[in-house]
Amino acid sequence: MDNSKILFTALFLTGAFANAQQNGGSSPVDSLSVQRDSTMVLKENYNQINTEAALEAQKRAEEAQERAEKAQRETEKNLKKIAKEQRKTEKAQKALEKRQNKIADAESEIRKINRRIENEQEDLAKLEEKLQRVREKSNSSNEDVLKMEQKRNKQQIRVNDLKIKLEKKEKSLQKLRN
């Protein structure tokens, strides 16, 4: 009940009280009865307004609670999405680090192979020089020459094997980079 109804009720009761006094109802009992009745009606109207206001406030509070719960669910949902994306990012980061480590290992292996090839080629060049000296000596036998050629051939095979290994590593490294 709104304020206009209370005002109307109060005016109505005041009018009824005034009519009762004009019509000879000036007895204190009649006037008390009208006052008590008007007070009761006003109290009832006041209580009804308070009840309606309380119900309306409760309804608004429940709606606000529902909105808060919905917002909380949305927040939790978004946090789960963020956590999922973060796990994906961490997984991708680990994969990237692993790949970078493989690339670094392959590059290191290639440098080692290149050093070995250089060393083996230096040894091969020394064997070539020795073989040339053995051939030039007039007193060296064919057996000495053959032994030197075998050493040289073995050395050449080692160099070629290392070159093949190097080529495979370079291809592997290229695949890792792409």
C-alpha atoms as a PDB file:
ATOM      1  CA  MET A   1       0.000   0.000   0.000  1.00  0.00           C
ATOM      2  CA  ASP A   2       1.369   3.388  -0.900  1.00  0.00           C
ATOM      3  CA  ASN A   3       1.260   6.733   0.925  1.00  0.00           C
ATOM      4  CA  SER A   4      -1.818   7.994  -0.955  1.00  0.00           C
ATOM      5  CA  LYS A   5      -3.874   5.082   0.437  1.00  0.00           C
ATOM      6  CA  ILE A   6      -2.716   5.843   3.959  1.00  0.00           C
ATOM      7  CA  LEU A   7      -3.618   9.487   3.510  1.00  0.00           C
ATOM      8  CA  PHE A   8      -7.020   8.572   2.104  1.00  0.00           C
ATOM      9  CA  THR A   9      -7.695   6.181   4.994  1.00  0.00           C
ATOM     10  CA  ALA A  10      -6.643   8.783   7.565  1.00  0.00           C
ATOM     11  CA  LEU A  11      -8.877  11.428   5.968  1.00  0.00           C
ATOM     12  CA  PHE A  12     -11.756   8.974   5.781  1.00  0.00           C
ATOM     13  CA  LEU A  13     -11.466   8.081   9.436  1.00  0.00           C
ATOM     14  CA  THR A  14     -11.108  11.723  10.446  1.00  0.00           C
ATOM     15  CA  GLY A  15     -14.249  12.497   8.468  1.00  0.00           C
ATOM     16  CA  ALA A  16     -16.090   9.600  10.087  1.00  0.00           C
ATOM     17  CA  PHE A  17     -15.034  10.844  13.507  1.00  0.00           C
ATOM     18  CA  ALA A  18     -16.244  14.367  12.671  1.00  0.00           C
ATOM     19  CA  ASN A  19     -19.612  13.003  11.436  1.00  0.00           C
ATOM     20  CA  ALA A  20     -20.047  10.977  14.597  1.00  0.00           C
ATOM     21  CA  GLN A  21     -19.564  14.110  16.732  1.00  0.00           C
ATOM     22  CA  GLN A  22     -21.975  16.221  14.610  1.00  0.00           C
ATOM     23  CA  ASN A  23     -24.703  13.609  14.757  1.00  0.00           C
ATOM     24  CA  GLY A  24     -24.815  13.711  18.477  1.00  0.00           C
ATOM     25  CA  GLY A  25     -22.286  10.992  19.001  1.00  0.00           C
ATOM     26  CA  SER A  26     -20.323  13.085  21.341  1.00  0.00           C
ATOM     27  CA  SER A  27     -19.983  10.390  23.874  1.00  0.00           C
ATOM     28  CA  PRO A  28     -16.433   9.684  24.891  1.00  0.00           C
ATOM     29  CA  VAL A  29     -16.948   5.998  24.119  1.00  0.00           C
ATOM     30  CA  ASP A  30     -17.880   6.668  20.493  1.00  0.00           C
ATOM     31  CA  SER A  31     -15.030   9.037  19.979  1.00  0.00           C
ATOM     32  CA  LEU A  32     -12.544   6.592  21.551  1.00  0.00           C
ATOM     33  CA  SER A  33     -13.883   3.802  19.412  1.00  0.00           C
ATOM     34  CA  VAL A  34     -13.429   5.832  16.228  1.00  0.00           C
ATOM     35  CA  GLN A  35      -9.930   6.885  17.268  1.00  0.00           C
ATOM     36  CA  ARG A  36      -8.990   3.298  18.105  1.00  0.00           C
ATOM     37  CA  ASP A  37     -10.392   2.068  14.785  1.00  0.00           C
ATOM     38  CA  SER A  38      -8.566   4.744  12.825  1.00  0.00           C
ATOM     39  CA  THR A  39      -5.353   3.991  14.718  1.00  0.00           C
ATOM     40  CA  MET A  40      -5.726   0.279  13.955  1.00  0.00           C
ATOM     41  CA  VAL A  41      -6.307   0.956  10.273  1.00  0.00           C
ATOM     42  CA  LEU A  42      -3.286   3.259  10.154  1.00  0.00           C
ATOM     43  CA  LYS A  43      -1.143   0.624  11.912  1.00  0.00           C
ATOM     44  CA  GLU A  44      -2.337  -2.067   9.511  1.00  0.00           C
ATOM     45  CA  ASN A  45      -1.608   0.189   6.536  1.00  0.00           C
ATOM     46  CA  TYR A  46       1.811   1.027   7.965  1.00  0.00           C
ATOM     47  CA  ASN A  47       2.599  -2.664   8.604  1.00  0.00           C
ATOM     48  CA  GLN A  48       1.431  -3.599   5.118  1.00  0.00           C
ATOM     49  CA  ILE A  49       3.629  -0.913   3.554  1.00  0.00           C
ATOM     50  CA  ASN A  50       6.597  -2.106   5.621  1.00  0.00           C
ATOM     51  CA  THR A  51       5.906  -5.711   4.608  1.00  0.00           C
ATOM     52  CA  GLU A  52       5.655  -4.790   0.936  1.00  0.00           C
ATOM     53  CA  ALA A  53       8.816  -2.715   1.165  1.00  0.00           C
ATOM     54  CA  ALA A  54      10.596  -5.576   2.928  1.00  0.00           C
ATOM     55  CA  LEU A  55       9.419  -8.056   0.265  1.00  0.00           C
ATOM     56  CA  GLU A  56      10.555  -5.709  -2.488  1.00  0.00           C
ATOM     57  CA  ALA A  57      13.925  -5.235  -0.780  1.00  0.00           C
ATOM     58  CA  GLN A  58      14.238  -8.996  -0.351  1.00  0.00           C
ATOM     59  CA  LYS A  59      13.416  -9.504  -4.032  1.00  0.00           C
ATOM     60  CA  ARG A  60      16.070  -6.964  -5.047  1.00  0.00           C
ATOM     61  CA  ALA A  61      18.566  -8.629  -2.699  1.00  0.00           C
ATOM     62  CA  GLU A  62      17.817 -12.054  -4.209  1.00  0.00           C
ATOM     63  CA  GLU A  63      18.244 -10.632  -7.725  1.00  0.00           C
ATOM     64  CA  ALA A  64      21.531  -9.042  -6.700  1.00  0.00           C
ATOM     65  CA  GLN A  65      22.611 -12.366  -5.167  1.00  0.00           C
ATOM     66  CA  GLU A  66      21.743 -14.171  -8.427  1.00  0.00           C
ATOM     67  CA  ARG A  67      23.738 -11.615 -10.433  1.00  0.00           C
ATOM     68  CA  ALA A  68      26.672 -11.994  -8.037  1.00  0.00           C
ATOM     69  CA  GLU A  69      26.532 -15.801  -8.321  1.00  0.00           C
ATOM     70  CA  LYS A  70      26.356 -15.562 -12.111  1.00  0.00           C
ATOM     71  CA  ALA A  71      29.321 -13.189 -12.131  1.00  0.00           C
ATOM     72  CA  GLN A  72      31.203 -15.578  -9.842  1.00  0.00           C
ATOM     73  CA  ARG A  73      30.505 -18.497 -12.221  1.00  0.00           C
ATOM     74  CA  GLU A  74      31.667 -16.402 -15.169  1.00  0.00           C
ATOM     75  CA  THR A  75      34.805 -15.436 -13.282  1.00  0.00           C
ATOM     76  CA  GLU A  76      35.543 -19.069 -12.428  1.00  0.00           C
ATOM     77  CA  LYS A  77      34.902 -20.067 -16.038  1.00  0.00           C
ATOM     78  CA  ASN A  78      37.260 -17.346 -17.276  1.00  0.00           C
ATOM     79  CA  LEU A  79      39.899 -18.340 -14.724  1.00  0.00           C
ATOM     80  CA  LYS A  80      39.694 -21.938 -15.953  1.00  0.00           C
ATOM     81  CA  LYS A  81      40.144 -20.715 -19.539  1.00  0.00           C
ATOM     82  CA  ILE A  82      43.119 -18.621 -18.496  1.00  0.00           C
ATOM     83  CA  ALA A  83      44.657 -21.570 -16.634  1.00  0.00           C
ATOM     84  CA  LYS A  84      44.136 -23.797 -19.681  1.00  0.00           C
ATOM     85  CA  GLU A  85      45.764 -21.242 -21.969  1.00  0.00           C
ATOM     86  CA  GLN A  86      48.617 -20.849 -19.495  1.00  0.00           C
ATOM     87  CA  ARG A  87      49.195 -24.630 -19.503  1.00  0.00           C
ATOM     88  CA  LYS A  88      49.205 -24.595 -23.306  1.00  0.00           C
ATOM     89  CA  THR A  89      51.679 -21.721 -23.281  1.00  0.00           C
ATOM     90  CA  GLU A  90      53.922 -23.504 -20.771  1.00  0.00           C
ATOM     91  CA  LYS A  91      53.789 -26.682 -22.844  1.00  0.00           C
ATOM     92  CA  ALA A  92      54.667 -24.748 -26.005  1.00  0.00           C
ATOM     93  CA  GLN A  93      57.484 -22.979 -24.130  1.00  0.00           C
ATOM     94  CA  LYS A  94      58.916 -26.315 -22.973  1.00  0.00           C
ATOM     95  CA  ALA A  95      58.678 -27.700 -26.509  1.00  0.00           C
ATOM     96  CA  LEU A  96      60.444 -24.603 -27.822  1.00  0.00           C
ATOM     97  CA  GLU A  97      63.201 -24.902 -25.210  1.00  0.00           C
ATOM     98  CA  LYS A  98      63.604 -28.583 -26.025  1.00  0.00           C
ATOM     99  CA  ARG A  99      63.852 -27.771 -29.728  1.00  0.00           C
ATOM    100  CA  GLN A 100      66.373 -25.001 -29.064  1.00  0.00           C
ATOM    101  CA  ASN A 101      68.436 -27.409 -26.955  1.00  0.00           C
ATOM    102  CA  LYS A 102      68.379 -29.963 -29.790  1.00  0.00           C
ATOM    103  CA  ILE A 103      69.506 -27.273 -32.225  1.00  0.00           C
ATOM    104  CA  ALA A 104      72.320 -26.202 -29.884  1.00  0.00           C
ATOM    105  CA  ASP A 105      73.384 -29.847 -29.445  1.00  0.00           C
ATOM    106  CA  ALA A 106      73.352 -30.407 -33.213  1.00  0.00           C
ATOM    107  CA  GLU A 107      75.406 -27.242 -33.811  1.00  0.00           C
ATOM    108  CA  SER A 108      77.902 -28.361 -31.172  1.00  0.00           C
ATOM    109  CA  GLU A 109      78.141 -31.812 -32.751  1.00  0.00           C
ATOM    110  CA  ILE A 110      78.700 -30.231 -36.172  1.00  0.00           C
ATOM    111  CA  ARG A 111      81.563 -28.106 -34.792  1.00  0.00           C
ATOM    112  CA  LYS A 112      83.142 -31.221 -33.254  1.00  0.00           C
ATOM    113  CA  ILE A 113      82.845 -33.136 -36.516  1.00  0.00           C
ATOM    114  CA  ASN A 114      84.355 -30.209 -38.434  1.00  0.00           C
ATOM    115  CA  ARG A 115      87.330 -30.147 -36.025  1.00  0.00           C
ATOM    116  CA  ARG A 116      87.769 -33.897 -36.419  1.00  0.00           C
ATOM    117  CA  ILE A 117      87.640 -33.577 -40.202  1.00  0.00           C
ATOM    118  CA  GLU A 118      90.287 -30.842 -40.078  1.00  0.00           C
ATOM    119  CA  ASN A 119      92.502 -32.991 -37.845  1.00  0.00           C
ATOM    120  CA  GLU A 120      91.986 -36.091 -39.977  1.00  0.00           C
ATOM    121  CA  GLN A 121      92.725 -34.102 -43.154  1.00  0.00           C
ATOM    122  CA  GLU A 122      95.927 -32.798 -41.568  1.00  0.00           C
ATOM    123  CA  ASP A 123      96.876 -36.388 -40.695  1.00  0.00           C
ATOM    124  CA  LEU A 124      96.016 -37.427 -44.256  1.00  0.00           C
ATOM    125  CA  ALA A 125      98.210 -34.660 -45.665  1.00  0.00           C
ATOM    126  CA  LYS A 126     101.088 -35.835 -43.444  1.00  0.00           C
ATOM    127  CA  LEU A 127     100.603 -39.417 -44.640  1.00  0.00           C
ATOM    128  CA  GLU A 128     100.611 -38.201 -48.241  1.00  0.00           C
ATOM    129  CA  GLU A 129     103.919 -36.449 -47.603  1.00  0.00           C
ATOM    130  CA  LYS A 130     105.394 -39.575 -45.974  1.00  0.00           C
ATOM    131  CA  LEU A 131     104.145 -41.717 -48.840  1.00  0.00           C
ATOM    132  CA  GLN A 132     105.723 -39.350 -51.314  1.00  0.00           C
ATOM    133  CA  ARG A 133     109.059 -39.492 -49.430  1.00  0.00           C
ATOM    134  CA  VAL A 134     108.908 -43.292 -49.253  1.00  0.00           C
ATOM    135  CA  ARG A 135     108.334 -43.458 -53.026  1.00  0.00           C
ATOM    136  CA  GLU A 136     111.190 -41.060 -53.643  1.00  0.00           C
ATOM    137  CA  LYS A 137     113.649 -43.093 -51.587  1.00  0.00           C
ATOM    138  CA  SER A 138     115.464 -45.484 -53.802  1.00  0.00           C
ATOM    139  CA  ASN A 139     116.026 -48.090 -51.128  1.00  0.00           C
ATOM    140  CA  SER A 140     112.360 -48.426 -49.959  1.00  0.00           C
ATOM    141  CA  SER A 141     110.569 -51.596 -50.864  1.00  0.00           C
ATOM    142  CA  ASN A 142     107.239 -52.021 -52.494  1.00  0.00           C
ATOM    143  CA  GLU A 143     105.969 -53.405 -49.200  1.00  0.00           C
ATOM    144  CA  ASP A 144     106.734 -50.132 -47.426  1.00  0.00           C
ATOM    145  CA  VAL A 145     104.957 -48.200 -50.156  1.00  0.00           C
ATOM    146  CA  LEU A 146     101.939 -50.506 -49.946  1.00  0.00           C
ATOM    147  CA  LYS A 147     101.740 -50.106 -46.151  1.00  0.00           C
ATOM    148  CA  MET A 148     101.865 -46.349 -46.485  1.00  0.00           C
ATOM    149  CA  GLU A 149      99.177 -46.397 -49.180  1.00  0.00           C
ATOM    150  CA  GLN A 150      96.971 -48.555 -46.958  1.00  0.00           C
ATOM    151  CA  LYS A 151      97.400 -46.106 -44.081  1.00  0.00           C
ATOM    152  CA  ARG A 152      96.587 -43.242 -46.396  1.00  0.00           C
ATOM    153  CA  ASN A 153      93.509 -45.037 -47.758  1.00  0.00           C
ATOM    154  CA  LYS A 154      92.242 -45.788 -44.243  1.00  0.00           C
ATOM    155  CA  GLN A 155      92.746 -42.169 -43.321  1.00  0.00           C
ATOM    156  CA  GLN A 156      90.884 -41.057 -46.455  1.00  0.00           C
ATOM    157  CA  ILE A 157      87.998 -43.392 -45.545  1.00  0.00           C
ATOM    158  CA  ARG A 158      87.829 -41.860 -42.046  1.00  0.00           C
ATOM    159  CA  VAL A 159      87.717 -38.381 -43.560  1.00  0.00           C
ATOM    160  CA  ASN A 160      84.979 -39.410 -45.994  1.00  0.00           C
ATOM    161  CA  ASP A 161      82.970 -41.077 -43.207  1.00  0.00           C
ATOM    162  CA  LEU A 162      83.215 -37.916 -41.139  1.00  0.00           C
ATOM    163  CA  LYS A 163      82.081 -35.832 -44.107  1.00  0.00           C
ATOM    164  CA  ILE A 164      79.044 -38.099 -44.551  1.00  0.00           C
ATOM    165  CA  LYS A 165      78.285 -37.842 -40.838  1.00  0.00           C
ATOM    166  CA  LEU A 166      78.643 -34.064 -41.054  1.00  0.00           C
ATOM    167  CA  GLU A 167      76.260 -33.902 -44.002  1.00  0.00           C
ATOM    168  CA  LYS A 168      73.640 -35.929 -42.099  1.00  0.00           C
ATOM    169  CA  LYS A 169      73.976 -33.698 -39.034  1.00  0.00           C
ATOM    170  CA  GLU A 170      73.602 -30.566 -41.157  1.00  0.00           C
ATOM    171  CA  LYS A 171      70.419 -31.960 -42.731  1.00  0.00           C
ATOM    172  CA  SER A 172      69.111 -32.850 -39.282  1.00  0.00           C
ATOM    173  CA  LEU A 173      69.910 -29.341 -38.048  1.00  0.00           C
ATOM    174  CA  GLN A 174      68.146 -27.828 -41.048  1.00  0.00           C
ATOM    175  CA  LYS A 175      65.018 -29.863 -40.256  1.00  0.00           C
ATOM    176  CA  LEU A 176      65.128 -28.687 -36.640  1.00  0.00           C
ATOM    177  CA  ARG A 177      65.360 -25.069 -37.705  1.00  0.00           C
ATOM    178  CA  ASN A 178      62.407 -25.380 -40.063  1.00  0.00           C
END
